[in-house]
Amino acid sequence: MRTTKIYLETSIFNFVFADNDHDKQRDTRKLFEEIEQQRIDYE
């Protein structure tokens, strides 16, 4: 299976703690889950 490779800008890690923006928080956690499951590769 081919993975998608992405570049992560460093500010994305702060969105995990973005209690004032639940959409960004949810999306960032989903992204990290995808990386953990090796569906996405990052640099």
N, C-alpha and C. Protein backbone atom coordinates (compact mmCIF):
# COMPACT_ATOMS: atom_id res chain seq x y z
N MET A 1 0.84 -1.19 0.00
CA MET A 1 0.00 0.00 0.00
C MET A 1 0.89 1.25 0.00
N ARG A 2 0.55 2.20 -0.80
CA ARG A 2 1.31 3.44 -0.89
C ARG A 2 0.85 4.42 0.18
N THR A 3 1.80 5.09 0.81
CA THR A 3 1.46 6.09 1.81
C THR A 3 1.61 7.49 1.23
N THR A 4 0.92 8.42 1.81
CA THR A 4 1.04 9.82 1.45
C THR A 4 2.13 10.43 2.30
N LYS A 5 3.02 11.20 1.69
CA LYS A 5 4.09 11.84 2.42
C LYS A 5 3.78 13.33 2.53
N ILE A 6 3.86 13.86 3.75
CA ILE A 6 3.55 15.27 3.97
C ILE A 6 4.65 15.93 4.79
N TYR A 7 4.72 17.24 4.71
CA TYR A 7 5.60 18.06 5.53
C TYR A 7 4.75 18.71 6.60
N LEU A 8 5.15 18.58 7.86
CA LEU A 8 4.39 19.18 8.96
C LEU A 8 5.09 20.44 9.45
N GLU A 9 4.38 21.53 9.42
CA GLU A 9 4.87 22.78 9.97
C GLU A 9 4.77 22.67 11.49
N THR A 10 5.71 23.21 12.22
CA THR A 10 5.81 22.96 13.65
C THR A 10 4.61 23.45 14.47
N SER A 11 3.88 24.43 14.01
CA SER A 11 2.75 24.94 14.80
C SER A 11 1.60 23.94 14.87
N ILE A 12 1.59 22.94 14.00
CA ILE A 12 0.48 21.98 14.01
C ILE A 12 0.40 21.22 15.34
N PHE A 13 1.54 21.01 15.99
CA PHE A 13 1.55 20.26 17.24
C PHE A 13 0.78 20.98 18.35
N ASN A 14 0.70 22.30 18.29
CA ASN A 14 -0.05 23.06 19.29
C ASN A 14 -1.55 22.87 19.18
N PHE A 15 -2.04 22.48 18.02
CA PHE A 15 -3.48 22.33 17.84
C PHE A 15 -4.06 21.19 18.68
N VAL A 16 -3.23 20.27 19.10
CA VAL A 16 -3.70 19.20 20.00
C VAL A 16 -4.26 19.81 21.28
N PHE A 17 -3.71 20.94 21.68
CA PHE A 17 -4.10 21.60 22.93
C PHE A 17 -5.04 22.77 22.70
N ALA A 18 -5.58 22.93 21.49
CA ALA A 18 -6.42 24.08 21.14
C ALA A 18 -7.85 23.88 21.65
N ASP A 19 -8.04 24.11 22.94
CA ASP A 19 -9.36 23.94 23.55
C ASP A 19 -10.38 24.93 23.00
N ASN A 20 -9.91 26.03 22.45
CA ASN A 20 -10.82 27.04 21.90
C ASN A 20 -11.21 26.78 20.45
N ASP A 21 -10.60 25.78 19.81
CA ASP A 21 -10.93 25.44 18.43
C ASP A 21 -11.02 23.92 18.30
N HIS A 22 -12.18 23.39 18.56
CA HIS A 22 -12.37 21.95 18.61
C HIS A 22 -12.19 21.28 17.24
N ASP A 23 -12.47 22.00 16.16
CA ASP A 23 -12.27 21.43 14.83
C ASP A 23 -10.79 21.16 14.56
N LYS A 24 -9.95 22.15 14.85
CA LYS A 24 -8.51 21.97 14.64
C LYS A 24 -7.96 20.88 15.57
N GLN A 25 -8.45 20.86 16.79
CA GLN A 25 -8.01 19.85 17.75
C GLN A 25 -8.37 18.44 17.25
N ARG A 26 -9.59 18.27 16.82
CA ARG A 26 -10.06 16.98 16.31
C ARG A 26 -9.28 16.55 15.07
N ASP A 27 -9.11 17.48 14.14
CA ASP A 27 -8.41 17.17 12.89
C ASP A 27 -6.94 16.81 13.14
N THR A 28 -6.31 17.51 14.07
CA THR A 28 -4.91 17.23 14.38
C THR A 28 -4.76 15.87 15.03
N ARG A 29 -5.65 15.55 15.94
CA ARG A 29 -5.59 14.22 16.57
C ARG A 29 -5.82 13.11 15.54
N LYS A 30 -6.72 13.35 14.60
CA LYS A 30 -6.97 12.38 13.53
C LYS A 30 -5.71 12.21 12.66
N LEU A 31 -5.05 13.31 12.35
CA LEU A 31 -3.82 13.25 11.58
C LEU A 31 -2.77 12.41 12.30
N PHE A 32 -2.60 12.63 13.60
CA PHE A 32 -1.62 11.87 14.36
C PHE A 32 -1.98 10.38 14.42
N GLU A 33 -3.26 10.08 14.47
CA GLU A 33 -3.68 8.68 14.43
C GLU A 33 -3.31 8.04 13.08
N GLU A 34 -3.50 8.79 12.00
CA GLU A 34 -3.15 8.29 10.67
C GLU A 34 -1.64 8.04 10.57
N ILE A 35 -0.85 8.94 11.14
CA ILE A 35 0.60 8.77 11.14
C ILE A 35 0.98 7.55 11.96
N GLU A 36 0.37 7.41 13.12
CA GLU A 36 0.67 6.28 13.99
C GLU A 36 0.35 4.94 13.30
N GLN A 37 -0.71 4.92 12.53
CA GLN A 37 -1.10 3.70 11.81
C GLN A 37 -0.34 3.55 10.50
N GLN A 38 0.63 4.41 10.28
CA GLN A 38 1.50 4.41 9.10
C GLN A 38 0.74 4.55 7.79
N ARG A 39 -0.36 5.26 7.82
CA ARG A 39 -1.08 5.58 6.59
C ARG A 39 -0.52 6.84 5.95
N ILE A 40 0.17 7.65 6.77
CA ILE A 40 0.78 8.87 6.29
C ILE A 40 2.23 8.89 6.77
N ASP A 41 3.13 9.26 5.88
CA ASP A 41 4.55 9.39 6.21
C ASP A 41 4.85 10.88 6.31
N TYR A 42 5.75 11.25 7.18
CA TYR A 42 6.05 12.67 7.36
C TYR A 42 7.54 12.91 7.39
N GLU A 43 7.91 14.16 7.14
CA GLU A 43 9.31 14.59 7.23
C GLU A 43 9.44 15.62 8.31
